[in-house]
Amino acid sequence: MVQGLMRGLRRVSGGLLLALVGGCSLNPPTGEQALGAGTALTVLSNKYLTLPALGGALLVYGVVDPLAPNWSIQETRLADGHYSLSMRLRSLHSGGTGEARQVFLRRAAQLGHGTGFEGYRILAWEEGVESGRPFAQRVAYGEVRLVPRPEPALIMPDIPALPPPEGVEVKPVRME
């Protein structure tokens, strides 16, 4: 019974794959489309693609997940405009080992953007590797202080006092 179920699943998955690769058009395939459909038929008829192989490929894709971000950031607000960023590279990755500083600077710029700060100052930065089981992971840590925008100062220029016009007496006013 299990073998019959597996054969049925192979036929269904093969038919589904054939429909996806061959396309769903009513027009007969031409050029590269015909090559794709013919290749799919060859792969399925010669049993190059089996259900366990497809399942294994999906499992590897699920674990590796090439579209997921390489770095995870744990952000802690220590004070107003003062942040701590702890970063960790994922265990299974296909690159991104040298981009810790870039990710850190990008996040620091995002923190200050649009919040009334004109920039940031890096207070601490360190990178390293944590030995763990089953994989070692690259880690990075940094602290950032956001630099506030200066308030615009109202500056009155020094204007020299003009003498009063002739015939006008100026008396100082005392305010109480």
C-alpha atoms as a PDB file:
ATOM      1  CA  MET A   1       0.000   0.000   0.000  1.00  0.00           C
ATOM      2  CA  VAL A   2       2.819   2.411   0.834  1.00  0.00           C
ATOM      3  CA  GLN A   3       4.536   1.699  -2.483  1.00  0.00           C
ATOM      4  CA  GLY A   4       1.296   2.374  -4.371  1.00  0.00           C
ATOM      5  CA  LEU A   5       0.901   5.646  -2.502  1.00  0.00           C
ATOM      6  CA  MET A   6       4.489   6.641  -3.348  1.00  0.00           C
ATOM      7  CA  ARG A   7       3.935   5.843  -7.053  1.00  0.00           C
ATOM      8  CA  GLY A   8       0.770   7.943  -7.043  1.00  0.00           C
ATOM      9  CA  LEU A   9       2.616  10.836  -5.404  1.00  0.00           C
ATOM     10  CA  ARG A  10       5.406  10.560  -8.003  1.00  0.00           C
ATOM     11  CA  ARG A  11       2.871  10.745 -10.822  1.00  0.00           C
ATOM     12  CA  VAL A  12       1.083  13.710  -9.276  1.00  0.00           C
ATOM     13  CA  SER A  13       4.304  15.588  -8.500  1.00  0.00           C
ATOM     14  CA  GLY A  14       5.659  14.741 -11.963  1.00  0.00           C
ATOM     15  CA  GLY A  15       2.453  15.972 -13.621  1.00  0.00           C
ATOM     16  CA  LEU A  16       2.537  19.138 -11.530  1.00  0.00           C
ATOM     17  CA  LEU A  17       6.163  19.745 -12.411  1.00  0.00           C
ATOM     18  CA  LEU A  18       5.428  19.109 -16.092  1.00  0.00           C
ATOM     19  CA  ALA A  19       2.588  21.647 -15.997  1.00  0.00           C
ATOM     20  CA  LEU A  20       4.822  24.228 -14.306  1.00  0.00           C
ATOM     21  CA  VAL A  21       7.820  23.718 -16.588  1.00  0.00           C
ATOM     22  CA  GLY A  22       5.852  23.272 -19.805  1.00  0.00           C
ATOM     23  CA  GLY A  23       3.587  26.233 -19.121  1.00  0.00           C
ATOM     24  CA  CYS A  24      -0.176  26.407 -19.243  1.00  0.00           C
ATOM     25  CA  SER A  25      -0.589  27.871 -22.703  1.00  0.00           C
ATOM     26  CA  LEU A  26      -2.985  26.496 -25.321  1.00  0.00           C
ATOM     27  CA  ASN A  27      -0.530  27.453 -28.059  1.00  0.00           C
ATOM     28  CA  PRO A  28       1.943  24.767 -29.120  1.00  0.00           C
ATOM     29  CA  PRO A  29       5.422  25.337 -27.670  1.00  0.00           C
ATOM     30  CA  THR A  30       8.026  26.839 -29.998  1.00  0.00           C
ATOM     31  CA  GLY A  31      11.744  27.526 -29.720  1.00  0.00           C
ATOM     32  CA  GLU A  32      13.019  27.594 -26.137  1.00  0.00           C
ATOM     33  CA  GLN A  33       9.602  26.601 -24.770  1.00  0.00           C
ATOM     34  CA  ALA A  34       9.733  23.328 -26.684  1.00  0.00           C
ATOM     35  CA  LEU A  35      13.227  22.695 -25.331  1.00  0.00           C
ATOM     36  CA  GLY A  36      11.996  23.274 -21.751  1.00  0.00           C
ATOM     37  CA  ALA A  37       9.010  20.939 -22.126  1.00  0.00           C
ATOM     38  CA  GLY A  38      11.156  18.275 -23.818  1.00  0.00           C
ATOM     39  CA  THR A  39      13.749  18.519 -21.061  1.00  0.00           C
ATOM     40  CA  ALA A  40      11.049  18.134 -18.408  1.00  0.00           C
ATOM     41  CA  LEU A  41       9.710  15.030 -20.154  1.00  0.00           C
ATOM     42  CA  THR A  42      13.211  13.554 -20.371  1.00  0.00           C
ATOM     43  CA  VAL A  43      13.887  14.248 -16.692  1.00  0.00           C
ATOM     44  CA  LEU A  44      10.601  12.660 -15.634  1.00  0.00           C
ATOM     45  CA  SER A  45      10.712   9.647 -17.989  1.00  0.00           C
ATOM     46  CA  ASN A  46      14.308   8.716 -17.070  1.00  0.00           C
ATOM     47  CA  LYS A  47      13.508   9.128 -13.358  1.00  0.00           C
ATOM     48  CA  TYR A  48      16.230  11.708 -12.739  1.00  0.00           C
ATOM     49  CA  LEU A  49      13.771  13.544 -10.520  1.00  0.00           C
ATOM     50  CA  THR A  50      12.304  11.407  -7.779  1.00  0.00           C
ATOM     51  CA  LEU A  51      10.118  12.320  -4.855  1.00  0.00           C
ATOM     52  CA  PRO A  52      12.908  11.823  -2.284  1.00  0.00           C
ATOM     53  CA  ALA A  53      15.228  14.064  -4.335  1.00  0.00           C
ATOM     54  CA  LEU A  54      12.569  16.748  -4.612  1.00  0.00           C
ATOM     55  CA  GLY A  55      11.840  16.488  -0.888  1.00  0.00           C
ATOM     56  CA  GLY A  56      15.564  16.730  -0.108  1.00  0.00           C
ATOM     57  CA  ALA A  57      15.911  19.795  -2.314  1.00  0.00           C
ATOM     58  CA  LEU A  58      12.967  21.457  -0.573  1.00  0.00           C
ATOM     59  CA  LEU A  59      14.428  20.587   2.838  1.00  0.00           C
ATOM     60  CA  VAL A  60      17.832  22.073   1.937  1.00  0.00           C
ATOM     61  CA  TYR A  61      16.135  25.193   0.571  1.00  0.00           C
ATOM     62  CA  GLY A  62      14.086  25.509   3.764  1.00  0.00           C
ATOM     63  CA  VAL A  63      17.161  25.242   6.001  1.00  0.00           C
ATOM     64  CA  VAL A  64      19.498  27.434   3.955  1.00  0.00           C
ATOM     65  CA  ASP A  65      16.788  29.918   2.782  1.00  0.00           C
ATOM     66  CA  PRO A  66      18.897  32.066   0.445  1.00  0.00           C
ATOM     67  CA  LEU A  67      16.412  34.966   0.550  1.00  0.00           C
ATOM     68  CA  ALA A  68      16.576  35.450   4.333  1.00  0.00           C
ATOM     69  CA  PRO A  69      18.732  38.298   5.716  1.00  0.00           C
ATOM     70  CA  ASN A  70      22.252  37.269   6.720  1.00  0.00           C
ATOM     71  CA  TRP A  71      22.435  39.372   9.884  1.00  0.00           C
ATOM     72  CA  SER A  72      19.988  39.605  12.755  1.00  0.00           C
ATOM     73  CA  ILE A  73      20.130  42.752  14.880  1.00  0.00           C
ATOM     74  CA  GLN A  74      19.083  43.025  18.505  1.00  0.00           C
ATOM     75  CA  GLU A  75      18.626  46.701  19.290  1.00  0.00           C
ATOM     76  CA  THR A  76      18.534  48.092  22.824  1.00  0.00           C
ATOM     77  CA  ARG A  77      17.748  51.709  23.680  1.00  0.00           C
ATOM     78  CA  LEU A  78      20.039  52.672  26.552  1.00  0.00           C
ATOM     79  CA  ALA A  79      19.055  56.339  26.813  1.00  0.00           C
ATOM     80  CA  ASP A  80      17.556  59.037  24.647  1.00  0.00           C
ATOM     81  CA  GLY A  81      19.561  58.847  21.427  1.00  0.00           C
ATOM     82  CA  HIS A  82      21.914  56.137  22.754  1.00  0.00           C
ATOM     83  CA  TYR A  83      21.552  52.637  21.287  1.00  0.00           C
ATOM     84  CA  SER A  84      23.299  49.299  21.627  1.00  0.00           C
ATOM     85  CA  LEU A  85      23.262  47.011  18.568  1.00  0.00           C
ATOM     86  CA  SER A  86      24.127  43.311  18.933  1.00  0.00           C
ATOM     87  CA  MET A  87      24.407  41.560  15.585  1.00  0.00           C
ATOM     88  CA  ARG A  88      24.666  37.874  14.714  1.00  0.00           C
ATOM     89  CA  LEU A  89      25.340  36.229  11.341  1.00  0.00           C
ATOM     90  CA  ARG A  90      23.068  33.275  10.689  1.00  0.00           C
ATOM     91  CA  SER A  91      24.596  29.812  11.039  1.00  0.00           C
ATOM     92  CA  LEU A  92      24.132  28.625   7.459  1.00  0.00           C
ATOM     93  CA  HIS A  93      24.928  31.430   5.066  1.00  0.00           C
ATOM     94  CA  SER A  94      26.198  31.918   1.554  1.00  0.00           C
ATOM     95  CA  GLY A  95      28.162  35.109   2.093  1.00  0.00           C
ATOM     96  CA  GLY A  96      27.908  38.272   4.118  1.00  0.00           C
ATOM     97  CA  THR A  97      30.772  37.525   6.509  1.00  0.00           C
ATOM     98  CA  GLY A  98      32.492  40.848   5.841  1.00  0.00           C
ATOM     99  CA  GLU A  99      29.484  43.125   5.853  1.00  0.00           C
ATOM    100  CA  ALA A 100      28.948  43.566   9.613  1.00  0.00           C
ATOM    101  CA  ARG A 101      30.202  47.152   9.641  1.00  0.00           C
ATOM    102  CA  GLN A 102      28.052  48.075   6.630  1.00  0.00           C
ATOM    103  CA  VAL A 103      24.919  46.648   8.261  1.00  0.00           C
ATOM    104  CA  PHE A 104      25.769  48.455  11.516  1.00  0.00           C
ATOM    105  CA  LEU A 105      26.275  51.828   9.797  1.00  0.00           C
ATOM    106  CA  ARG A 106      23.107  51.396   7.740  1.00  0.00           C
ATOM    107  CA  ARG A 107      21.060  50.712  10.889  1.00  0.00           C
ATOM    108  CA  ALA A 108      22.642  53.662  12.722  1.00  0.00           C
ATOM    109  CA  ALA A 109      21.684  55.961   9.835  1.00  0.00           C
ATOM    110  CA  GLN A 110      18.117  54.567   9.866  1.00  0.00           C
ATOM    111  CA  LEU A 111      17.787  55.266  13.592  1.00  0.00           C
ATOM    112  CA  GLY A 112      18.586  58.953  13.124  1.00  0.00           C
ATOM    113  CA  HIS A 113      16.727  59.500   9.870  1.00  0.00           C
ATOM    114  CA  GLY A 114      13.584  61.540  10.294  1.00  0.00           C
ATOM    115  CA  THR A 115      13.715  61.673  14.109  1.00  0.00           C
ATOM    116  CA  GLY A 116      15.248  65.117  14.564  1.00  0.00           C
ATOM    117  CA  PHE A 117      18.869  63.971  14.643  1.00  0.00           C
ATOM    118  CA  GLU A 118      21.502  65.169  12.212  1.00  0.00           C
ATOM    119  CA  GLY A 119      23.898  62.238  12.482  1.00  0.00           C
ATOM    120  CA  TYR A 120      25.434  59.687  14.794  1.00  0.00           C
ATOM    121  CA  ARG A 121      28.645  59.042  16.674  1.00  0.00           C
ATOM    122  CA  ILE A 122      30.037  55.530  17.127  1.00  0.00           C
ATOM    123  CA  LEU A 123      30.984  54.966  20.756  1.00  0.00           C
ATOM    124  CA  ALA A 124      32.046  51.305  20.574  1.00  0.00           C
ATOM    125  CA  TRP A 125      32.565  48.671  17.893  1.00  0.00           C
ATOM    126  CA  GLU A 126      33.852  45.109  18.017  1.00  0.00           C
ATOM    127  CA  GLU A 127      33.603  41.997  15.859  1.00  0.00           C
ATOM    128  CA  GLY A 128      34.314  38.396  16.658  1.00  0.00           C
ATOM    129  CA  VAL A 129      33.409  34.738  16.306  1.00  0.00           C
ATOM    130  CA  GLU A 130      31.443  32.812  18.918  1.00  0.00           C
ATOM    131  CA  SER A 131      32.362  29.153  19.032  1.00  0.00           C
ATOM    132  CA  GLY A 132      29.167  27.201  19.367  1.00  0.00           C
ATOM    133  CA  ARG A 133      27.789  23.842  18.485  1.00  0.00           C
ATOM    134  CA  PRO A 134      27.189  22.779  15.773  1.00  0.00           C
ATOM    135  CA  PHE A 135      28.442  25.917  13.972  1.00  0.00           C
ATOM    136  CA  ALA A 136      30.566  28.905  14.927  1.00  0.00           C
ATOM    137  CA  GLN A 137      28.890  32.254  14.300  1.00  0.00           C
ATOM    138  CA  ARG A 138      30.227  35.692  13.487  1.00  0.00           C
ATOM    139  CA  VAL A 139      28.997  38.349  15.897  1.00  0.00           C
ATOM    140  CA  ALA A 140      29.374  42.103  16.135  1.00  0.00           C
ATOM    141  CA  TYR A 141      28.539  44.673  18.797  1.00  0.00           C
ATOM    142  CA  GLY A 142      28.365  48.434  18.633  1.00  0.00           C
ATOM    143  CA  GLU A 143      27.043  51.451  20.482  1.00  0.00           C
ATOM    144  CA  VAL A 144      25.760  54.584  18.788  1.00  0.00           C
ATOM    145  CA  ARG A 145      24.846  58.007  20.121  1.00  0.00           C
ATOM    146  CA  LEU A 146      22.639  60.065  17.852  1.00  0.00           C
ATOM    147  CA  VAL A 147      23.722  63.696  17.444  1.00  0.00           C
ATOM    148  CA  PRO A 148      20.791  66.106  17.801  1.00  0.00           C
ATOM    149  CA  ARG A 149      20.195  68.896  15.324  1.00  0.00           C
ATOM    150  CA  PRO A 150      21.151  72.267  16.774  1.00  0.00           C
ATOM    151  CA  GLU A 151      18.250  74.591  17.432  1.00  0.00           C
ATOM    152  CA  PRO A 152      18.270  77.555  15.096  1.00  0.00           C
ATOM    153  CA  ALA A 153      19.426  80.582  17.084  1.00  0.00           C
ATOM    154  CA  LEU A 154      17.719  83.911  16.705  1.00  0.00           C
ATOM    155  CA  ILE A 155      20.626  86.288  16.312  1.00  0.00           C
ATOM    156  CA  MET A 156      20.000  90.006  16.352  1.00  0.00           C
ATOM    157  CA  PRO A 157      22.690  91.973  14.632  1.00  0.00           C
ATOM    158  CA  ASP A 158      24.235  94.826  16.569  1.00  0.00           C
ATOM    159  CA  ILE A 159      22.749  97.984  15.141  1.00  0.00           C
ATOM    160  CA  PRO A 160      24.332 101.217  16.272  1.00  0.00           C
ATOM    161  CA  ALA A 161      21.961 103.594  18.007  1.00  0.00           C
ATOM    162  CA  LEU A 162      20.935 106.525  15.900  1.00  0.00           C
ATOM    163  CA  PRO A 163      20.747 109.954  17.444  1.00  0.00           C
ATOM    164  CA  PRO A 164      17.209 111.208  17.968  1.00  0.00           C
ATOM    165  CA  PRO A 165      15.896 113.707  15.486  1.00  0.00           C
ATOM    166  CA  GLU A 166      16.297 117.392  16.341  1.00  0.00           C
ATOM    167  CA  GLY A 167      13.743 118.734  18.719  1.00  0.00           C
ATOM    168  CA  VAL A 168      12.782 115.332  20.162  1.00  0.00           C
ATOM    169  CA  GLU A 169      13.613 114.624  23.724  1.00  0.00           C
ATOM    170  CA  VAL A 170      14.263 110.971  24.633  1.00  0.00           C
ATOM    171  CA  LYS A 171      13.540 109.973  28.206  1.00  0.00           C
ATOM    172  CA  PRO A 172      14.449 106.533  29.478  1.00  0.00           C
ATOM    173  CA  VAL A 173      11.474 104.453  30.548  1.00  0.00           C
ATOM    174  CA  ARG A 174      11.673 102.591  33.761  1.00  0.00           C
ATOM    175  CA  MET A 175       9.610  99.417  33.901  1.00  0.00           C
ATOM    176  CA  GLU A 176       8.492  98.042  37.223  1.00  0.00           C
END
